[in-house]
Amino acid sequence: MPAAGAQDEIIDFLSDRASHGQAAVTRIETHGNLIFLAGDEAWKIKRAVRFPYMDFSTLELRHQACLAELEINRRFASELYLGVVPLVRRPDGRIAFGGSGEVLEWAVHMRRFGQEDLLSAHAASGAIPEAEAKAVADCIARSHRDAERCDDIRGHDRMARVLEAVVVTLGQSAVFDPRDVETWAAAARQRLQACRSLLDARAQAGFVRRCHGDLHAANIVVWHGKPMLYDAIEFDPKIATVDTLYDLAFLLMDLDARGAGRAANVILNRYLWRNSDLRDLDGLAALPLFMSLRAAIRAMVTAERAAQEEARARAADEAAARDLLARAQALVRPHTPRLVAIAGLSGTGKSTLAARLAPELAPAPGAVHLRTDLIRKALADVEETVRLPAASYTLQASRQVYETLLAQARRALTAGASVIVDAVAAHAAERAEIAAVAATAGVAFTGLWLTGPDAVLAGRVGARTDDASDATADVVRAQATWDTGALEKGWSAIDAGGSIAQTHALAAHALALPARTST
C-alpha cells in the first residue's frame, strides 16, 4: 500500500495549474477513477479503492490496471490513448510526470475532448440525430465483429454468476429496500432460466466475446465527427467477456433512461441490419433481461458512488440508484409483442412513420423495424444508399426480399419483440402473408395502408437524398396505375398526404398508443 496520504498528494499535484503549464484544470470523479483535464491533455488515475468486483488498493494493482486500460482501449480509440506515465518524486522532493525518482502513482495519458462531445451530452441537449445514432451502431457492430471470441460455451452460467453477484451487492446496500431487491431478483432469475438454452446456444455460436463491457452513453465520444468508444473495462477481462447483445444492452438501457429512446431504437435496428444475422433476432428474447441487469448494475455503482460523496450529492445519487432499480424491475416485467404493418405506394412516408412509431411499441427499446428497401440492400451486400440495378427488382428478386422479411418478422416475434414491417405490399397476397405471420405467432396485428395525392408522393420521392429506397418519380407514376384491391380485415387506411406529425397522430390513434415523451 502507498504511504498514508500519498494519493492526496498526487491529487493536489494534478489539480495544480502549475503542473500543466498554468492551464486551467477540470476534475472529474467516478467511483473508481479521477480524471484531470488541462489544456489538450487528460490524466487519469485509479482511486485507491477496493470493491467486490474491482481492486485498486495497491500501487502495483493500479499500475497493471493502467496498462490494461491502455491496451484494451487502443483497440477502440487509438487516437485518444497516448500512454501510461509514472508520477514520481524526484530527488529534490518535487513531484513530476515521468523521469527518475520514486514512483508514487501511475496515470493514463489521453488526448482531451470536450464533454459536450459525449453521446450522453448529446442526449441531454435534446435529440441525437439519426445519422449519428446509425454511426454509433456501426461503430459498435465493428467492435463486436473484431472482438476476440471466448471458448467458454456456458452462456447461461456466465450470466447467472453476474446476476447473483449483483443481487448480493444490492442486498448489502442500505440504499435499497431489500423487498425491492428480492422482487427484481426473482423476476430476473425467472427470465434467465427461460433463456438458458438460448444463452448457451449463443455462446457456442461465438457471440460471447471480449467486448467493451461498460458501453453507456458517457463512454462514447464523437471525436472529429466520428463516434468512438473509450474507457472500456480494464480491471477484469471476465466482466467484459460477454454476449455481444449484453454489451449493446447497456447503451440501449442508458439512452432510454436519459429520454433518448428514439436513438436507442435506431441503434438497435441499425445494429441488427448491419449484422444481418437471424441469431441476433433470436437473441432479442434475452434483451429485456440484459437491459434489466445493466440497469441494476448501474444502480449498484451509483449507490457505491453515493457513499463517497457529501450529503447533497449523496442524497441525489441514492435517489438515482433507487430509480435505476425500479427501471430494472420494469424491464423484466412481461410485455405482449405485436406486429404492425405499414404499407403503401412509394412516397407515402412508410419508413419515416415506421421509424417514429418503433420506439413507442413495448418492450423497450421498441419494435424491430423491418424495411424491404434495407433487406434488398443487405441481400445485395451493398450499403443502404447504393442504387441497385433493375435486375434487383425482378419478380424473383422481390419474392426473395419478401420471404426474408417474413422470416425475420417470425424470428423477432418468437423472441418476444414487437415488429414493424415496412413494405409497399401493394398486392392482397402480400398483405395476407404479413397478417398470417402475426396469426401464427399468436400476437395482435394491425395493418396501416398509407395514401396520398399522386403529386405529393412524386414530390417526396424526387426530394429524397441518401435514402435506401431506389424509387423515382417515374416509379410513383407507374404505381399510381396499379389496382391494389380492397383492404382486408385488420387493415386501416391512413391519409398520409399531410405532415409527418399529422400522419403519426392518425397512426398512433389507430394503434391505440399511449403518449410517449422520449426524444
Protein backbone atom coordinates (compact mmCIF):
# COMPACT_ATOMS: atom_id res chain seq x y z
CA MET A 1 0.00 0.00 0.00
CA PRO A 2 1.22 3.57 -0.62
CA ALA A 3 2.03 5.67 2.37
CA ALA A 4 -0.94 7.31 4.05
CA GLY A 5 -1.96 10.43 2.18
CA ALA A 6 0.22 9.60 -0.82
CA GLN A 7 -2.73 9.72 -3.23
CA ASP A 8 -3.92 13.00 -1.73
CA GLU A 9 -0.56 14.47 -2.61
CA ILE A 10 -0.87 13.22 -6.18
CA ILE A 11 -4.38 14.65 -6.42
CA ASP A 12 -3.08 18.02 -5.25
CA PHE A 13 -0.31 17.87 -7.88
CA LEU A 14 -2.67 17.02 -10.70
CA SER A 15 -5.14 19.69 -9.57
CA ASP A 16 -2.46 22.40 -9.62
CA ARG A 17 -2.35 24.65 -12.70
CA ALA A 18 1.42 24.87 -12.31
CA SER A 19 1.68 21.16 -13.10
CA HIS A 20 0.13 21.81 -16.50
CA GLY A 21 1.87 24.97 -17.67
CA GLN A 22 -0.71 27.14 -15.90
CA ALA A 23 -3.58 25.64 -17.90
CA ALA A 24 -6.90 25.56 -16.06
CA VAL A 25 -7.69 22.17 -14.56
CA THR A 26 -11.07 20.43 -14.55
CA ARG A 27 -11.51 17.41 -12.29
CA ILE A 28 -13.95 14.57 -12.98
CA GLU A 29 -14.64 11.84 -10.44
CA THR A 30 -16.08 8.37 -10.77
CA HIS A 31 -16.26 5.66 -8.14
CA GLY A 32 -13.03 4.10 -9.47
CA ASN A 33 -11.15 6.90 -11.22
CA LEU A 34 -10.09 10.53 -11.03
CA ILE A 35 -9.60 12.41 -14.30
CA PHE A 36 -7.81 15.75 -14.63
CA LEU A 37 -8.35 17.80 -17.79
CA ALA A 38 -5.83 20.51 -18.63
CA GLY A 39 -5.23 22.14 -21.99
CA ASP A 40 -5.29 19.47 -24.69
CA GLU A 41 -4.44 16.65 -22.28
CA ALA A 42 -6.17 14.38 -19.81
CA TRP A 43 -4.61 12.43 -16.96
CA LYS A 44 -6.47 9.57 -15.34
CA ILE A 45 -5.52 7.82 -12.11
CA LYS A 46 -7.16 4.93 -10.32
CA ARG A 47 -8.62 5.57 -6.89
CA ALA A 48 -7.05 3.54 -4.09
CA VAL A 49 -10.29 1.62 -3.51
CA ARG A 50 -11.44 -1.96 -3.29
CA PHE A 51 -14.88 -3.24 -4.29
CA PRO A 52 -16.02 -6.86 -4.59
CA TYR A 53 -15.54 -6.66 -8.36
CA MET A 54 -12.64 -4.17 -8.61
CA ASP A 55 -9.42 -3.87 -6.60
CA PHE A 56 -7.17 -0.80 -6.97
CA SER A 57 -5.96 -0.88 -3.39
CA THR A 58 -2.21 -1.14 -4.12
CA LEU A 59 0.12 0.82 -6.37
CA GLU A 60 1.01 -2.29 -8.36
CA LEU A 61 -2.65 -3.17 -8.95
CA ARG A 62 -3.26 0.38 -10.16
CA HIS A 63 -0.22 0.17 -12.45
CA GLN A 64 -1.44 -3.07 -14.00
CA ALA A 65 -4.92 -1.59 -14.41
CA CYS A 66 -3.48 1.43 -16.24
CA LEU A 67 -1.51 -0.81 -18.59
CA ALA A 68 -4.56 -2.95 -19.24
CA GLU A 69 -6.67 0.15 -19.88
CA LEU A 70 -4.18 1.39 -22.46
CA GLU A 71 -4.07 -1.98 -24.22
CA ILE A 72 -7.80 -2.61 -24.45
CA ASN A 73 -8.84 0.95 -25.27
CA ARG A 74 -6.33 1.37 -28.07
CA ARG A 75 -8.46 -1.22 -29.88
CA PHE A 76 -11.43 1.12 -29.70
CA ALA A 77 -9.88 4.61 -29.62
CA SER A 78 -6.22 4.55 -30.62
CA GLU A 79 -6.26 8.30 -31.32
CA LEU A 80 -7.22 9.13 -27.74
CA TYR A 81 -4.88 6.93 -25.67
CA LEU A 82 -1.27 8.16 -25.55
CA GLY A 83 0.40 6.04 -22.88
CA VAL A 84 0.90 5.20 -19.21
CA VAL A 85 3.08 7.65 -17.28
CA PRO A 86 4.57 7.35 -13.77
CA LEU A 87 4.16 10.22 -11.35
CA VAL A 88 7.43 10.34 -9.45
CA ARG A 89 9.06 12.15 -6.58
CA ARG A 90 12.36 13.49 -7.81
CA PRO A 91 15.45 13.67 -5.60
CA ASP A 92 14.70 17.33 -4.80
CA GLY A 93 11.29 16.32 -3.44
CA ARG A 94 9.18 17.68 -6.31
CA ILE A 95 6.52 15.53 -7.99
CA ALA A 96 6.78 15.27 -11.77
CA PHE A 97 5.42 13.45 -14.80
CA GLY A 98 7.92 10.68 -15.58
CA GLY A 99 11.67 10.69 -15.16
CA SER A 100 13.77 9.23 -12.36
CA GLY A 101 12.62 9.03 -8.79
CA GLU A 102 10.26 7.16 -6.53
CA VAL A 103 7.05 6.17 -8.34
CA LEU A 104 4.12 7.47 -6.32
CA GLU A 105 1.31 6.78 -8.78
CA TRP A 106 0.54 5.81 -12.38
CA ALA A 107 -1.63 7.75 -14.80
CA VAL A 108 -3.19 7.02 -18.17
CA HIS A 109 -2.29 9.87 -20.53
CA MET A 110 -5.00 10.79 -23.03
CA ARG A 111 -5.97 13.44 -25.50
CA ARG A 112 -8.62 15.73 -24.11
CA PHE A 113 -12.02 16.03 -25.72
CA GLY A 114 -14.89 18.31 -24.88
CA GLN A 115 -17.51 16.97 -22.52
CA GLU A 116 -20.07 18.37 -24.92
CA ASP A 117 -18.89 15.78 -27.46
CA LEU A 118 -20.02 12.84 -25.34
CA LEU A 119 -23.06 10.94 -26.55
CA SER A 120 -24.55 11.47 -23.10
CA ALA A 121 -24.27 15.24 -23.59
CA HIS A 122 -25.93 14.97 -26.99
CA ALA A 123 -28.79 13.05 -25.39
CA ALA A 124 -29.13 15.71 -22.68
CA SER A 125 -29.19 18.54 -25.22
CA GLY A 126 -32.27 17.24 -26.99
CA ALA A 127 -32.28 14.60 -29.69
CA ILE A 128 -29.42 12.51 -31.04
CA PRO A 129 -29.52 12.89 -34.85
CA GLU A 130 -30.46 9.73 -36.73
CA ALA A 131 -27.21 9.79 -38.73
CA GLU A 132 -25.20 9.93 -35.50
CA ALA A 133 -27.18 7.07 -33.95
CA LYS A 134 -26.53 4.96 -37.04
CA ALA A 135 -22.82 5.77 -36.92
CA VAL A 136 -22.73 4.71 -33.26
CA ALA A 137 -24.39 1.41 -34.16
CA ASP A 138 -21.89 0.85 -36.96
CA CYS A 139 -19.02 1.52 -34.54
CA ILE A 140 -20.36 -0.98 -32.01
CA ALA A 141 -21.01 -3.60 -34.69
CA ARG A 142 -17.39 -3.27 -35.88
CA SER A 143 -16.10 -3.59 -32.34
CA HIS A 144 -18.08 -6.79 -31.83
CA ARG A 145 -17.02 -8.22 -35.17
CA ASP A 146 -13.34 -7.63 -34.33
CA ALA A 147 -13.55 -8.74 -30.69
CA GLU A 148 -11.83 -11.90 -29.54
CA ARG A 149 -14.18 -14.87 -29.21
CA CYS A 150 -14.44 -16.76 -25.94
CA ASP A 151 -14.21 -20.55 -25.90
CA ASP A 152 -16.46 -20.84 -22.82
CA ILE A 153 -19.73 -22.21 -24.19
CA ARG A 154 -21.73 -21.90 -20.94
CA GLY A 155 -23.55 -18.69 -21.73
CA HIS A 156 -26.25 -19.22 -19.12
CA ASP A 157 -23.80 -19.94 -16.30
CA ARG A 158 -21.80 -16.84 -17.18
CA MET A 159 -24.85 -14.61 -16.88
CA ALA A 160 -26.03 -16.41 -13.74
CA ARG A 161 -22.76 -15.53 -12.00
CA VAL A 162 -23.20 -11.89 -12.94
CA LEU A 163 -26.79 -11.83 -11.76
CA GLU A 164 -26.10 -13.44 -8.39
CA ALA A 165 -23.12 -11.17 -7.71
CA VAL A 166 -25.30 -8.12 -8.35
CA VAL A 167 -28.08 -9.48 -6.13
CA VAL A 168 -25.61 -9.95 -3.26
CA THR A 169 -24.15 -6.47 -3.61
CA LEU A 170 -27.54 -4.78 -3.89
CA GLY A 171 -28.76 -6.72 -0.87
CA GLN A 172 -25.84 -5.48 1.21
CA SER A 173 -26.51 -1.83 0.39
CA ALA A 174 -28.51 0.32 2.79
CA VAL A 175 -29.69 2.39 -0.16
CA PHE A 176 -32.23 -0.18 -1.37
CA ASP A 177 -35.31 -1.71 0.21
CA PRO A 178 -34.49 -5.44 0.49
CA ARG A 179 -38.00 -6.24 -0.75
CA ASP A 180 -37.32 -4.32 -3.99
CA VAL A 181 -34.06 -6.18 -4.47
CA GLU A 182 -35.73 -9.55 -4.00
CA THR A 183 -38.65 -8.66 -6.28
CA TRP A 184 -36.24 -7.77 -9.06
CA ALA A 185 -34.00 -10.78 -8.38
CA ALA A 186 -36.91 -13.24 -8.58
CA ALA A 187 -38.12 -11.83 -11.91
CA ALA A 188 -34.59 -11.69 -13.34
CA ARG A 189 -33.87 -15.29 -12.32
CA GLN A 190 -37.09 -16.40 -13.99
CA ARG A 191 -36.11 -14.60 -17.20
CA LEU A 192 -32.64 -16.08 -17.02
CA GLN A 193 -33.98 -19.62 -16.67
CA ALA A 194 -36.26 -19.07 -19.68
CA CYS A 195 -33.21 -18.02 -21.71
CA ARG A 196 -30.94 -20.88 -20.62
CA SER A 197 -30.79 -22.77 -23.91
CA LEU A 198 -30.66 -19.54 -25.93
CA LEU A 199 -27.68 -18.17 -24.00
CA ASP A 200 -25.81 -21.44 -24.26
CA ALA A 201 -26.50 -21.62 -28.00
CA ARG A 202 -25.27 -18.05 -28.49
CA ALA A 203 -22.09 -18.82 -26.57
CA GLN A 204 -21.49 -21.93 -28.66
CA ALA A 205 -22.01 -19.87 -31.82
CA GLY A 206 -19.34 -17.36 -30.82
CA PHE A 207 -21.46 -14.46 -29.59
CA VAL A 208 -19.57 -14.29 -26.28
CA ARG A 209 -16.57 -12.04 -26.90
CA ARG A 210 -14.10 -9.70 -25.21
CA CYS A 211 -16.28 -6.59 -25.58
CA HIS A 212 -16.14 -3.04 -24.26
CA GLY A 213 -18.00 -4.06 -21.12
CA ASP A 214 -19.07 -0.59 -19.94
CA LEU A 215 -20.86 0.70 -23.00
CA HIS A 216 -23.02 3.55 -21.73
CA ALA A 217 -23.55 6.92 -23.40
CA ALA A 218 -20.85 8.73 -21.41
CA ASN A 219 -18.27 6.26 -22.71
CA ILE A 220 -18.86 7.17 -26.35
CA VAL A 221 -17.39 10.38 -27.74
CA VAL A 222 -17.92 11.95 -31.14
CA TRP A 223 -14.27 12.69 -32.00
CA HIS A 224 -13.77 14.82 -35.10
CA GLY A 225 -17.26 13.86 -36.28
CA LYS A 226 -16.76 10.13 -35.73
CA PRO A 227 -18.21 8.11 -32.80
CA MET A 228 -15.51 6.41 -30.77
CA LEU A 229 -15.79 4.03 -27.82
CA TYR A 230 -13.46 4.64 -24.89
CA ASP A 231 -13.00 3.75 -21.22
CA ALA A 232 -13.63 0.04 -21.74
CA ILE A 233 -13.40 -2.21 -18.68
CA GLU A 234 -9.79 -3.00 -17.92
CA PHE A 235 -9.73 -4.30 -14.36
CA ASP A 236 -11.25 -7.72 -15.07
CA PRO A 237 -11.48 -9.23 -18.59
CA LYS A 238 -14.12 -11.67 -17.31
CA ILE A 239 -16.55 -8.81 -16.69
CA ALA A 240 -16.10 -7.58 -20.27
CA THR A 241 -16.19 -11.04 -21.88
CA VAL A 242 -19.91 -11.14 -22.51
CA ASP A 243 -22.64 -11.79 -25.03
CA THR A 244 -22.47 -9.07 -27.67
CA LEU A 245 -26.14 -8.19 -27.14
CA TYR A 246 -25.46 -7.80 -23.42
CA ASP A 247 -22.70 -5.33 -24.30
CA LEU A 248 -25.10 -3.38 -26.53
CA ALA A 249 -27.87 -3.57 -23.93
CA PHE A 250 -26.08 -1.16 -21.60
CA LEU A 251 -26.23 1.63 -24.18
CA LEU A 252 -29.84 0.87 -25.08
CA MET A 253 -30.88 0.96 -21.43
CA ASP A 254 -28.85 4.10 -20.72
CA LEU A 255 -30.22 6.06 -23.66
CA ASP A 256 -33.79 5.06 -22.85
CA ALA A 257 -33.24 6.16 -19.24
CA ARG A 258 -31.91 9.50 -20.49
CA GLY A 259 -35.06 10.08 -22.53
CA ALA A 260 -33.37 9.20 -25.83
CA GLY A 261 -35.47 6.13 -26.56
CA ARG A 262 -35.76 7.03 -30.24
CA ALA A 263 -31.97 6.98 -30.63
CA ALA A 264 -31.82 3.67 -28.75
CA ASN A 265 -34.31 2.18 -31.19
CA VAL A 266 -32.37 3.47 -34.20
CA ILE A 267 -29.17 1.97 -32.80
CA LEU A 268 -30.78 -1.40 -32.16
CA ASN A 269 -32.29 -1.61 -35.63
CA ARG A 270 -29.15 -0.41 -37.38
CA TYR A 271 -27.09 -2.94 -35.40
CA LEU A 272 -29.45 -5.77 -36.41
CA TRP A 273 -29.39 -4.70 -40.06
CA ARG A 274 -25.61 -4.26 -40.08
CA ASN A 275 -25.09 -7.79 -38.74
CA SER A 276 -27.92 -9.38 -40.79
CA ASP A 277 -27.78 -12.45 -38.55
CA LEU A 278 -31.05 -14.19 -37.72
CA ARG A 279 -29.46 -15.43 -34.50
CA ASP A 280 -29.41 -11.86 -33.21
CA LEU A 281 -33.16 -11.73 -33.79
CA ASP A 282 -33.45 -14.90 -31.70
CA GLY A 283 -31.24 -13.22 -29.11
CA LEU A 284 -33.82 -10.49 -28.59
CA ALA A 285 -35.52 -12.89 -26.19
CA ALA A 286 -32.71 -12.12 -23.75
CA LEU A 287 -32.60 -8.37 -24.37
CA PRO A 288 -35.11 -7.40 -21.61
CA LEU A 289 -33.02 -9.41 -19.11
CA PHE A 290 -29.80 -7.89 -20.42
CA MET A 291 -31.14 -4.34 -20.16
CA SER A 292 -32.59 -5.02 -16.72
CA LEU A 293 -29.31 -6.41 -15.44
CA ARG A 294 -27.47 -3.39 -16.84
CA ALA A 295 -29.90 -1.07 -15.02
CA ALA A 296 -29.36 -2.99 -11.78
CA ILE A 297 -25.58 -2.78 -12.17
CA ARG A 298 -25.84 0.95 -12.79
CA ALA A 299 -27.99 1.19 -9.64
CA MET A 300 -25.31 -0.70 -7.70
CA VAL A 301 -22.46 1.51 -8.97
CA THR A 302 -24.46 4.69 -8.35
CA ALA A 303 -25.11 3.63 -4.76
CA GLU A 304 -21.40 2.92 -4.27
CA ARG A 305 -20.51 6.35 -5.67
CA ALA A 306 -23.01 7.94 -3.28
CA ALA A 307 -21.04 6.52 -0.34
CA GLN A 308 -18.02 8.58 -1.46
CA GLU A 309 -19.92 11.87 -1.66
CA GLU A 310 -21.02 14.68 0.62
CA ALA A 311 -24.58 14.96 1.87
CA ARG A 312 -26.39 16.71 -1.00
CA ALA A 313 -24.70 14.76 -3.79
CA ARG A 314 -25.07 11.56 -1.79
CA ALA A 315 -28.83 12.01 -1.42
CA ALA A 316 -29.21 12.71 -5.15
CA ASP A 317 -27.24 9.62 -6.14
CA GLU A 318 -29.08 7.43 -3.67
CA ALA A 319 -32.38 8.54 -5.21
CA ALA A 320 -30.97 7.92 -8.71
CA ALA A 321 -29.86 4.43 -7.65
CA ARG A 322 -33.36 3.57 -6.43
CA ASP A 323 -34.84 4.88 -9.68
CA LEU A 324 -32.48 2.64 -11.64
CA LEU A 325 -33.53 -0.40 -9.63
CA ALA A 326 -37.16 0.47 -10.38
CA ARG A 327 -36.24 0.65 -14.07
CA ALA A 328 -34.58 -2.76 -13.77
CA GLN A 329 -37.82 -4.14 -12.34
CA ALA A 330 -39.89 -2.64 -15.15
CA LEU A 331 -37.62 -4.06 -17.84
CA VAL A 332 -38.17 -7.67 -16.76
CA ARG A 333 -41.94 -7.42 -16.49
CA PRO A 334 -43.76 -9.43 -19.18
CA HIS A 335 -44.81 -7.50 -22.28
CA THR A 336 -47.07 -8.64 -25.09
CA PRO A 337 -45.49 -8.09 -28.52
CA ARG A 338 -47.44 -7.05 -31.58
CA LEU A 339 -46.98 -6.89 -35.34
CA VAL A 340 -47.67 -3.64 -37.16
CA ALA A 341 -47.52 -3.43 -40.95
CA ILE A 342 -47.06 -0.07 -42.64
CA ALA A 343 -47.73 -0.36 -46.36
CA GLY A 344 -48.47 1.91 -49.26
CA LEU A 345 -47.06 3.15 -52.53
CA SER A 346 -43.68 4.86 -52.78
CA GLY A 347 -43.65 8.35 -51.29
CA THR A 348 -46.35 7.77 -48.70
CA GLY A 349 -43.78 8.05 -45.91
CA LYS A 350 -43.83 4.43 -44.72
CA SER A 351 -40.28 4.35 -43.42
CA THR A 352 -40.46 7.77 -41.78
CA LEU A 353 -43.65 6.79 -39.96
CA ALA A 354 -42.30 3.36 -39.01
CA ALA A 355 -39.18 4.93 -37.51
CA ARG A 356 -41.34 7.27 -35.45
CA LEU A 357 -43.63 4.51 -34.22
CA ALA A 358 -41.00 1.87 -33.48
CA PRO A 359 -39.74 3.36 -30.17
CA GLU A 360 -43.33 3.60 -28.94
CA LEU A 361 -44.03 -0.15 -29.07
CA ALA A 362 -43.19 -2.24 -26.00
CA PRO A 363 -40.92 -3.70 -24.87
CA ALA A 364 -38.10 -1.15 -24.64
CA PRO A 365 -36.26 0.00 -26.65
CA GLY A 366 -39.11 -0.52 -29.08
CA ALA A 367 -40.02 -2.52 -32.13
CA VAL A 368 -37.78 -4.20 -34.64
CA HIS A 369 -38.23 -2.17 -37.83
CA LEU A 370 -38.02 -4.41 -40.89
CA ARG A 371 -37.82 -2.43 -44.13
CA THR A 372 -37.85 -4.14 -47.52
CA ASP A 373 -35.56 -1.47 -49.00
CA LEU A 374 -32.88 -2.28 -46.43
CA ILE A 375 -33.36 -6.04 -46.76
CA ARG A 376 -32.85 -5.71 -50.51
CA LYS A 377 -29.57 -3.86 -49.94
CA ALA A 378 -28.41 -6.43 -47.39
CA LEU A 379 -29.16 -9.28 -49.80
CA ALA A 380 -27.12 -7.46 -52.46
CA ASP A 381 -24.33 -6.86 -49.88
CA VAL A 382 -24.21 -3.11 -50.52
CA GLU A 383 -24.58 -0.03 -48.33
CA GLU A 384 -28.08 1.35 -47.86
CA THR A 385 -27.70 4.30 -50.24
CA VAL A 386 -26.18 2.35 -53.16
CA ARG A 387 -28.62 2.37 -56.08
CA LEU A 388 -29.36 -1.12 -57.34
CA PRO A 389 -29.87 -2.10 -61.00
CA ALA A 390 -33.20 -3.14 -62.46
CA ALA A 391 -32.19 -6.80 -62.08
CA SER A 392 -32.61 -6.40 -58.33
CA TYR A 393 -36.29 -5.63 -58.84
CA THR A 394 -37.42 -8.67 -60.81
CA LEU A 395 -40.36 -10.68 -59.52
CA GLN A 396 -37.95 -13.37 -58.34
CA ALA A 397 -35.72 -10.88 -56.54
CA SER A 398 -38.68 -9.17 -54.93
CA ARG A 399 -40.05 -12.52 -53.80
CA GLN A 400 -36.75 -13.25 -52.04
CA VAL A 401 -36.97 -9.90 -50.29
CA TYR A 402 -40.50 -10.64 -49.03
CA GLU A 403 -39.59 -14.13 -47.90
CA THR A 404 -36.65 -12.71 -45.96
CA LEU A 405 -38.90 -10.04 -44.46
CA LEU A 406 -41.42 -12.62 -43.29
CA ALA A 407 -38.73 -14.92 -41.88
CA GLN A 408 -37.17 -12.08 -39.91
CA ALA A 409 -40.56 -10.99 -38.57
CA ARG A 410 -41.29 -14.54 -37.40
CA ARG A 411 -37.96 -14.80 -35.59
CA ALA A 412 -38.32 -11.44 -33.84
CA LEU A 413 -41.91 -12.08 -32.75
CA THR A 414 -40.99 -15.53 -31.46
CA ALA A 415 -38.28 -13.85 -29.39
CA GLY A 416 -40.90 -11.60 -27.80
CA ALA A 417 -40.08 -8.40 -29.68
CA SER A 418 -42.69 -6.22 -31.33
CA VAL A 419 -42.19 -5.78 -35.06
CA ILE A 420 -43.00 -3.09 -37.61
CA VAL A 421 -42.99 -4.34 -41.19
CA ASP A 422 -42.36 -1.57 -43.72
CA ALA A 423 -43.15 -2.58 -47.31
CA VAL A 424 -45.17 -1.49 -50.34
CA ALA A 425 -47.32 -4.65 -50.07
CA ALA A 426 -49.48 -3.48 -52.93
CA HIS A 427 -50.93 -6.92 -53.58
CA ALA A 428 -53.54 -8.57 -51.41
CA ALA A 429 -51.50 -11.78 -51.24
CA GLU A 430 -48.51 -9.90 -49.78
CA ARG A 431 -50.68 -8.23 -47.16
CA ALA A 432 -52.26 -11.57 -46.28
CA GLU A 433 -48.82 -13.17 -45.80
CA ILE A 434 -47.81 -10.44 -43.37
CA ALA A 435 -51.02 -10.82 -41.35
CA ALA A 436 -50.52 -14.60 -41.31
CA VAL A 437 -47.18 -14.16 -39.56
CA ALA A 438 -48.95 -12.49 -36.66
CA ALA A 439 -51.62 -15.19 -36.55
CA THR A 440 -49.02 -17.95 -36.46
CA ALA A 441 -47.09 -16.17 -33.70
CA GLY A 442 -50.28 -15.59 -31.72
CA VAL A 443 -49.83 -11.82 -31.49
CA ALA A 444 -52.06 -8.88 -32.32
CA PHE A 445 -51.85 -7.48 -35.84
CA THR A 446 -52.61 -4.03 -37.21
CA GLY A 447 -52.08 -3.04 -40.82
CA LEU A 448 -51.88 0.62 -41.85
CA TRP A 449 -52.28 1.42 -45.55
CA LEU A 450 -50.91 4.90 -46.28
CA THR A 451 -52.40 7.02 -49.03
CA GLY A 452 -51.74 10.43 -50.51
CA PRO A 453 -52.17 12.54 -53.66
CA ASP A 454 -50.02 11.36 -56.59
CA ALA A 455 -48.34 14.77 -56.91
CA VAL A 456 -47.38 14.80 -53.24
CA LEU A 457 -45.93 11.28 -53.43
CA ALA A 458 -43.92 12.11 -56.56
CA GLY A 459 -42.62 15.29 -54.96
CA ARG A 460 -41.45 13.47 -51.86
CA VAL A 461 -39.65 10.80 -53.84
CA GLY A 462 -37.98 13.39 -56.04
CA ALA A 463 -36.70 15.27 -53.00
CA ARG A 464 -35.08 12.24 -51.33
CA THR A 465 -31.34 12.15 -50.67
CA ASP A 466 -29.22 9.46 -49.01
CA ASP A 467 -32.13 7.06 -48.69
CA ALA A 468 -32.30 3.30 -49.07
CA SER A 469 -35.23 3.48 -51.48
CA ASP A 470 -34.44 3.37 -55.19
CA ALA A 471 -37.90 4.62 -56.18
CA THR A 472 -38.13 7.57 -58.57
CA ALA A 473 -40.95 9.87 -59.64
CA ASP A 474 -41.43 7.61 -62.67
CA VAL A 475 -41.91 4.65 -60.33
CA VAL A 476 -44.53 6.60 -58.39
CA ARG A 477 -46.42 7.44 -61.60
CA ALA A 478 -46.31 3.76 -62.64
CA GLN A 479 -47.57 2.62 -59.22
CA ALA A 480 -50.49 5.04 -59.46
CA THR A 481 -51.98 2.79 -62.19
CA TRP A 482 -51.89 -0.33 -60.02
CA ASP A 483 -55.04 -1.97 -58.71
CA THR A 484 -54.17 -2.60 -55.06
CA GLY A 485 -57.58 -4.09 -54.27
CA ALA A 486 -59.76 -3.67 -51.21
CA LEU A 487 -58.15 -3.72 -47.79
CA GLU A 488 -58.56 -6.91 -45.80
CA LYS A 489 -59.71 -7.25 -42.20
CA GLY A 490 -57.13 -5.84 -39.82
CA TRP A 491 -56.06 -3.08 -42.22
CA SER A 492 -56.94 0.61 -41.97
CA ALA A 493 -56.36 3.38 -44.49
CA ILE A 494 -54.38 6.36 -43.20
CA ASP A 495 -54.25 9.70 -45.01
CA ALA A 496 -50.50 10.39 -45.28
CA GLY A 497 -50.78 13.42 -47.54
CA GLY A 498 -50.12 15.89 -44.74
CA SER A 499 -47.15 16.42 -42.43
CA ILE A 500 -45.40 13.54 -40.70
CA ALA A 501 -46.75 14.83 -37.38
CA GLN A 502 -50.31 14.57 -38.72
CA THR A 503 -49.71 11.10 -40.14
CA HIS A 504 -48.10 9.99 -36.88
CA ALA A 505 -51.07 11.22 -34.87
CA LEU A 506 -53.50 9.29 -37.08
CA ALA A 507 -51.38 6.14 -36.90
CA ALA A 508 -50.90 6.37 -33.13
CA HIS A 509 -54.67 6.68 -32.71
CA ALA A 510 -55.25 3.65 -34.92
CA LEU A 511 -52.74 1.68 -32.88
CA ALA A 512 -54.10 2.98 -29.53
CA LEU A 513 -50.61 4.00 -28.45
CA PRO A 514 -50.07 5.87 -25.17
CA ALA A 515 -48.32 9.23 -25.25
CA ARG A 516 -44.53 8.93 -25.07
CA THR A 517 -42.08 11.70 -24.22
CA SER A 518 -38.71 10.22 -25.26
CA THR A 519 -36.74 12.07 -27.91
